[in-house]
Amino acid sequence: MTYYKALLLSILITLTTYTVHSQDTENTNNSQETKDSLDLKDSQNKMTTWQMMKYDGLSVYGGVKHVYTQPFKWKGKDWLTFGGIMAGNAILLAVDEPADEYFRKQGEDVPDLIKEAGFRFGKPLLNYGLTGSIYTLGLLTKNEKIRKTGVLLIASATAGGLLQTVSKTLVGRARPLTGEGNLSFKFNSSEAGFHSFPSGHAILSFTTAHAFAKQFDNLFVKGGIYALGMITPVSRLWDGAHWLTDVTLGLVMSVVIVDSVDNYLKKDKRYAYGNKKNKIRWNLRVGANQIGVVGRF
């Protein structure tokens, strides 16, 4: 988004200026940050499994709470960004019905296996089974990176899942398959045919994809993960279960929610993993009669 690019540019300019005028202070602060991260990592290594579970449970709760409370702290530019997102989605209303016709026609040639896989991956049971397994692996191995990824996945899926469940019922938008049109609503409806907005499958699947992709720097790996994450949202269009605007809003919500939880975990320094000072950078080294991977600390 333009807002985030402008914000990043402002931060980079500020940091550059600060470095020129206060190099000694910066070095002191960096040393303290590294020490704090190492102290946190050391303290977590001494935790029992039960203590780690309680700690991570509080992290999940804090992440979900952060998602829901952040809008109350938004300022002018934040509301402008929000307005831009909603305006863009409103514009897409004009192509909802043509897009529905196009995707449903395309869906006739898509193998049932792909459509079924997309449908299943967006279901809470399978999604939480996957995220829960990742967290359990991190817990049993005491691997902080995997634990943090599991916490990010669980907190994001929980925040997004609750939000889309409430929104679907309150908005009561008709699904394409009902034949009612994209502007037909039954507010606060309990009928499944009027639970179209937003797409819960899109939110759960892309939340998982975005959270995973954030763990990698390689653009090809990221691209592959995002491509897999898009199968479920598109499969909902193939099946006529959602309008294009249901899916697009679901994708945007996923990114916002995951980034919000991730920002909370970093801001509160819940986990030492992620500090660039302690990150291992892997490089491929090729030479005469040798090839290998080198880790630089």
Protein backbone atom coordinates (compact mmCIF):
# COMPACT_ATOMS: atom_id res chain seq x y z
CA MET A 1 0.00 0.00 0.00
CA THR A 2 1.10 3.56 -0.71
CA TYR A 3 0.67 4.44 2.95
CA TYR A 4 3.06 1.76 4.13
CA LYS A 5 5.64 2.67 1.48
CA ALA A 6 5.53 6.30 2.56
CA LEU A 7 5.77 5.28 6.21
CA LEU A 8 8.75 3.02 5.50
CA LEU A 9 10.50 5.79 3.57
CA SER A 10 9.96 8.23 6.44
CA ILE A 11 11.37 5.74 8.93
CA LEU A 12 14.44 5.09 6.76
CA ILE A 13 15.15 8.84 6.41
CA THR A 14 14.73 9.35 10.16
CA LEU A 15 17.00 6.44 11.01
CA THR A 16 19.66 7.62 8.55
CA THR A 17 19.68 11.12 10.04
CA TYR A 18 19.78 9.73 13.55
CA THR A 19 22.74 7.50 12.68
CA VAL A 20 24.80 10.40 11.34
CA HIS A 21 24.32 12.56 14.43
CA SER A 22 24.15 9.93 17.19
CA GLN A 23 26.29 6.96 16.19
CA ASP A 24 27.58 6.29 19.70
CA THR A 25 24.12 6.34 21.23
CA GLU A 26 22.82 3.99 18.54
CA ASN A 27 25.58 1.50 19.19
CA THR A 28 24.75 1.59 22.91
CA ASN A 29 21.06 1.02 22.22
CA ASN A 30 21.79 -1.82 19.79
CA SER A 31 23.98 -3.51 22.37
CA GLN A 32 21.23 -3.18 24.96
CA GLU A 33 18.64 -4.58 22.50
CA THR A 34 20.85 -7.56 21.75
CA LYS A 35 21.41 -8.16 25.46
CA ASP A 36 17.66 -7.96 26.17
CA SER A 37 16.93 -10.43 23.37
CA LEU A 38 19.56 -12.86 24.62
CA ASP A 39 18.23 -12.55 28.17
CA LEU A 40 14.70 -13.26 26.93
CA LYS A 41 15.88 -16.26 24.91
CA ASP A 42 17.79 -17.59 27.91
CA SER A 43 14.78 -17.20 30.20
CA GLN A 44 12.52 -18.99 27.70
CA ASN A 45 14.98 -21.86 27.37
CA LYS A 46 14.63 -22.39 31.12
CA MET A 47 10.82 -22.62 30.94
CA THR A 48 9.03 -25.91 31.42
CA THR A 49 6.62 -27.07 28.72
CA TRP A 50 3.66 -25.93 30.84
CA GLN A 51 5.20 -22.51 31.39
CA MET A 52 5.81 -22.11 27.66
CA MET A 53 2.19 -23.04 26.94
CA LYS A 54 0.94 -20.40 29.39
CA TYR A 55 3.31 -17.82 27.96
CA ASP A 56 2.27 -18.59 24.38
CA GLY A 57 -1.40 -18.62 25.37
CA LEU A 58 -1.03 -15.08 26.70
CA SER A 59 0.74 -14.15 23.47
CA VAL A 60 -2.20 -15.45 21.44
CA TYR A 61 -4.65 -13.55 23.64
CA GLY A 62 -2.57 -10.38 23.38
CA GLY A 63 -2.37 -10.71 19.60
CA VAL A 64 -6.13 -11.13 19.19
CA LYS A 65 -6.77 -8.23 21.56
CA HIS A 66 -4.32 -6.07 19.62
CA VAL A 67 -6.20 -6.72 16.36
CA TYR A 68 -9.51 -5.58 17.84
CA THR A 69 -8.22 -2.60 19.80
CA GLN A 70 -5.91 -1.05 17.20
CA PRO A 71 -8.73 0.71 15.26
CA PHE A 72 -9.41 2.80 18.38
CA LYS A 73 -5.85 4.13 18.09
CA TRP A 74 -5.97 4.89 14.38
CA LYS A 75 -5.13 8.40 13.24
CA GLY A 76 -5.91 10.38 10.08
CA LYS A 77 -3.77 8.41 7.64
CA ASP A 78 -4.94 5.08 9.07
CA TRP A 79 -8.57 6.04 8.49
CA LEU A 80 -7.67 7.28 5.02
CA THR A 81 -6.15 3.88 4.20
CA PHE A 82 -9.22 2.12 5.59
CA GLY A 83 -11.46 4.37 3.51
CA GLY A 84 -9.41 3.62 0.40
CA ILE A 85 -9.77 -0.13 0.96
CA MET A 86 -13.53 0.12 1.40
CA ALA A 87 -13.88 2.45 -1.59
CA GLY A 88 -11.88 0.06 -3.78
CA ASN A 89 -14.05 -2.85 -2.74
CA ALA A 90 -17.18 -0.79 -3.40
CA ILE A 91 -15.97 -0.07 -6.93
CA LEU A 92 -15.57 -3.81 -7.50
CA LEU A 93 -19.30 -4.25 -6.85
CA ALA A 94 -19.82 -3.25 -10.47
CA VAL A 95 -18.01 -6.37 -11.70
CA ASP A 96 -19.33 -8.84 -9.10
CA GLU A 97 -21.91 -10.44 -11.37
CA PRO A 98 -19.77 -10.58 -14.57
CA ALA A 99 -16.89 -12.02 -12.49
CA ASP A 100 -19.22 -14.63 -10.98
CA GLU A 101 -20.29 -15.74 -14.45
CA TYR A 102 -16.68 -15.88 -15.65
CA PHE A 103 -15.28 -17.84 -12.70
CA ARG A 104 -18.14 -20.32 -12.62
CA LYS A 105 -17.61 -21.03 -16.30
CA GLN A 106 -13.87 -21.51 -15.69
CA GLY A 107 -14.66 -23.78 -12.76
CA GLU A 108 -16.32 -26.31 -15.04
CA ASP A 109 -12.88 -27.25 -16.41
CA VAL A 110 -11.08 -27.31 -13.06
CA PRO A 111 -10.44 -30.82 -11.61
CA ASP A 112 -12.68 -31.63 -8.65
CA LEU A 113 -9.59 -32.59 -6.63
CA ILE A 114 -8.25 -29.02 -6.76
CA LYS A 115 -11.60 -27.50 -5.87
CA GLU A 116 -12.08 -29.94 -3.01
CA ALA A 117 -8.57 -29.24 -1.70
CA GLY A 118 -9.30 -25.52 -1.77
CA PHE A 119 -12.58 -26.01 0.08
CA ARG A 120 -11.05 -28.24 2.77
CA PHE A 121 -8.04 -25.98 3.42
CA GLY A 122 -10.35 -23.10 4.28
CA LYS A 123 -12.30 -25.14 6.86
CA PRO A 124 -11.53 -24.37 10.53
CA LEU A 125 -10.99 -28.04 11.47
CA LEU A 126 -8.20 -28.62 8.95
CA ASN A 127 -6.74 -25.14 9.34
CA TYR A 128 -6.47 -25.35 13.12
CA GLY A 129 -5.17 -28.90 12.80
CA LEU A 130 -2.29 -27.58 10.68
CA THR A 131 -1.53 -24.53 12.81
CA GLY A 132 -1.88 -26.53 16.02
CA SER A 133 0.56 -29.14 14.71
CA ILE A 134 3.13 -26.47 13.90
CA TYR A 135 2.85 -24.95 17.36
CA THR A 136 3.04 -28.39 19.01
CA LEU A 137 6.23 -29.15 17.07
CA GLY A 138 7.79 -25.90 18.28
CA LEU A 139 6.69 -26.62 21.82
CA LEU A 140 8.07 -30.18 21.92
CA THR A 141 11.36 -29.23 20.29
CA LYS A 142 11.56 -25.92 22.24
CA ASN A 143 12.27 -24.21 18.93
CA GLU A 144 11.38 -20.56 19.46
CA LYS A 145 11.00 -19.73 15.76
CA ILE A 146 8.46 -22.52 15.22
CA ARG A 147 6.65 -21.64 18.46
CA LYS A 148 6.37 -18.01 17.44
CA THR A 149 5.12 -19.00 13.97
CA GLY A 150 2.51 -21.24 15.60
CA VAL A 151 1.40 -18.41 17.89
CA LEU A 152 1.17 -16.03 14.91
CA LEU A 153 -0.92 -18.56 12.97
CA ILE A 154 -3.29 -19.36 15.85
CA ALA A 155 -3.81 -15.75 16.94
CA SER A 156 -4.38 -14.55 13.37
CA ALA A 157 -6.79 -17.37 12.51
CA THR A 158 -8.71 -16.79 15.75
CA ALA A 159 -9.02 -13.04 15.24
CA GLY A 160 -10.02 -13.44 11.59
CA GLY A 161 -12.36 -16.35 12.28
CA LEU A 162 -14.32 -14.53 14.97
CA LEU A 163 -14.56 -11.38 12.88
CA GLN A 164 -15.82 -13.10 9.74
CA THR A 165 -18.33 -15.22 11.66
CA VAL A 166 -19.96 -12.18 13.24
CA SER A 167 -19.80 -10.16 10.01
CA LYS A 168 -21.44 -12.87 7.91
CA THR A 169 -24.44 -13.07 10.22
CA LEU A 170 -24.87 -9.34 10.70
CA VAL A 171 -24.45 -8.38 7.03
CA GLY A 172 -26.53 -11.30 5.69
CA ARG A 173 -25.43 -10.99 2.07
CA ALA A 174 -26.88 -13.45 -0.45
CA ARG A 175 -24.49 -15.93 -2.04
CA PRO A 176 -24.31 -16.07 -5.86
CA LEU A 177 -25.92 -19.53 -5.88
CA THR A 178 -29.13 -18.14 -4.37
CA GLY A 179 -29.79 -16.16 -7.55
CA GLU A 180 -30.76 -13.11 -5.49
CA GLY A 181 -28.07 -10.80 -6.91
CA ASN A 182 -25.01 -9.22 -5.33
CA LEU A 183 -26.97 -6.45 -3.59
CA SER A 184 -29.46 -8.69 -1.80
CA PHE A 185 -29.21 -8.72 2.02
CA LYS A 186 -31.02 -10.26 4.99
CA PHE A 187 -29.39 -8.53 7.93
CA ASN A 188 -28.73 -10.70 10.99
CA SER A 189 -29.80 -13.81 9.06
CA SER A 190 -29.20 -17.37 10.22
CA GLU A 191 -29.61 -18.78 6.69
CA ALA A 192 -26.42 -20.22 5.19
CA GLY A 193 -27.39 -18.83 1.79
CA PHE A 194 -27.08 -15.32 3.23
CA HIS A 195 -23.64 -15.70 4.81
CA SER A 196 -21.57 -14.54 1.86
CA PHE A 197 -19.75 -11.43 3.11
CA PRO A 198 -16.83 -11.76 3.70
CA SER A 199 -15.40 -15.12 2.62
CA GLY A 200 -14.37 -17.11 5.69
CA HIS A 201 -12.50 -19.66 3.58
CA ALA A 202 -10.48 -16.87 1.95
CA ILE A 203 -9.63 -15.34 5.33
CA LEU A 204 -8.48 -18.58 6.95
CA SER A 205 -6.46 -19.86 3.99
CA PHE A 206 -4.74 -16.58 3.14
CA THR A 207 -4.10 -15.77 6.80
CA THR A 208 -2.17 -19.04 6.99
CA ALA A 209 -0.33 -18.33 3.72
CA HIS A 210 0.64 -14.78 4.71
CA ALA A 211 1.83 -15.84 8.16
CA PHE A 212 3.97 -18.59 6.61
CA ALA A 213 5.34 -16.35 3.86
CA LYS A 214 6.54 -13.80 6.43
CA GLN A 215 8.96 -16.42 7.76
CA PHE A 216 10.97 -16.50 4.51
CA ASP A 217 13.11 -13.95 2.68
CA ASN A 218 13.31 -15.78 -0.65
CA LEU A 219 10.85 -14.23 -3.12
CA PHE A 220 10.33 -17.51 -4.98
CA VAL A 221 9.40 -19.30 -1.76
CA LYS A 222 7.08 -16.46 -0.79
CA GLY A 223 5.48 -16.53 -4.23
CA GLY A 224 4.90 -20.28 -4.03
CA ILE A 225 3.26 -19.98 -0.62
CA TYR A 226 0.99 -17.15 -1.75
CA ALA A 227 0.05 -19.11 -4.88
CA LEU A 228 -1.03 -22.07 -2.73
CA GLY A 229 -2.91 -19.71 -0.42
CA MET A 230 -4.89 -18.36 -3.38
CA ILE A 231 -6.31 -21.76 -4.35
CA THR A 232 -9.00 -21.63 -1.68
CA PRO A 233 -10.24 -18.07 -2.42
CA VAL A 234 -10.42 -18.78 -6.16
CA SER A 235 -12.12 -22.14 -5.56
CA ARG A 236 -14.95 -20.29 -3.79
CA LEU A 237 -15.45 -18.23 -6.95
CA TRP A 238 -15.37 -21.35 -9.14
CA ASP A 239 -18.14 -22.88 -7.02
CA GLY A 240 -20.27 -19.73 -6.96
CA ALA A 241 -20.14 -19.68 -3.16
CA HIS A 242 -18.92 -16.07 -2.93
CA TRP A 243 -18.83 -12.84 -4.89
CA LEU A 244 -15.52 -11.33 -5.96
CA THR A 245 -15.89 -8.56 -3.35
CA ASP A 246 -16.37 -11.18 -0.59
CA VAL A 247 -13.04 -12.70 -1.53
CA THR A 248 -11.05 -9.50 -2.08
CA LEU A 249 -12.09 -8.08 1.29
CA GLY A 250 -11.21 -11.40 2.90
CA LEU A 251 -7.70 -11.25 1.42
CA VAL A 252 -7.13 -7.68 2.61
CA MET A 253 -8.43 -8.56 6.09
CA SER A 254 -6.01 -11.49 6.24
CA VAL A 255 -2.98 -9.31 5.53
CA VAL A 256 -4.06 -6.61 8.00
CA ILE A 257 -4.78 -9.13 10.77
CA VAL A 258 -1.53 -11.11 10.39
CA ASP A 259 0.56 -7.93 10.24
CA SER A 260 -1.22 -6.56 13.32
CA VAL A 261 -0.51 -9.70 15.36
CA ASP A 262 3.09 -9.81 14.13
CA ASN A 263 3.59 -6.16 15.07
CA TYR A 264 2.28 -6.88 18.56
CA LEU A 265 4.66 -9.81 19.07
CA LYS A 266 7.60 -7.67 17.92
CA LYS A 267 6.61 -4.49 19.75
CA ASP A 268 6.14 -6.27 23.06
CA LYS A 269 9.29 -8.36 22.41
CA ARG A 270 7.40 -11.53 23.22
CA TYR A 271 10.06 -13.62 21.48
CA ALA A 272 13.79 -13.13 21.01
CA TYR A 273 13.65 -14.72 17.57
CA GLY A 274 13.54 -12.13 14.80
CA ASN A 275 16.31 -9.86 16.10
CA LYS A 276 18.56 -9.25 13.11
CA LYS A 277 21.64 -9.34 15.32
CA ASN A 278 20.97 -13.01 16.07
CA LYS A 279 19.69 -14.05 12.66
CA ILE A 280 21.60 -16.65 10.66
CA ARG A 281 21.99 -15.74 6.98
CA TRP A 282 22.41 -18.69 4.65
CA ASN A 283 24.41 -18.30 1.45
CA LEU A 284 25.26 -20.71 -1.36
CA ARG A 285 29.01 -20.92 -1.96
CA VAL A 286 30.37 -22.39 -5.17
CA GLY A 287 34.07 -22.91 -5.83
CA ALA A 288 36.53 -25.18 -7.58
CA ASN A 289 35.35 -28.76 -7.07
CA GLN A 290 33.09 -27.73 -4.19
CA ILE A 291 29.60 -26.50 -3.49
CA GLY A 292 28.07 -25.83 -0.10
CA VAL A 293 25.85 -23.72 2.10
CA VAL A 294 27.42 -21.32 4.58
CA GLY A 295 25.61 -19.92 7.61
CA ARG A 296 26.75 -16.44 8.70
CA PHE A 297 25.93 -15.33 12.25
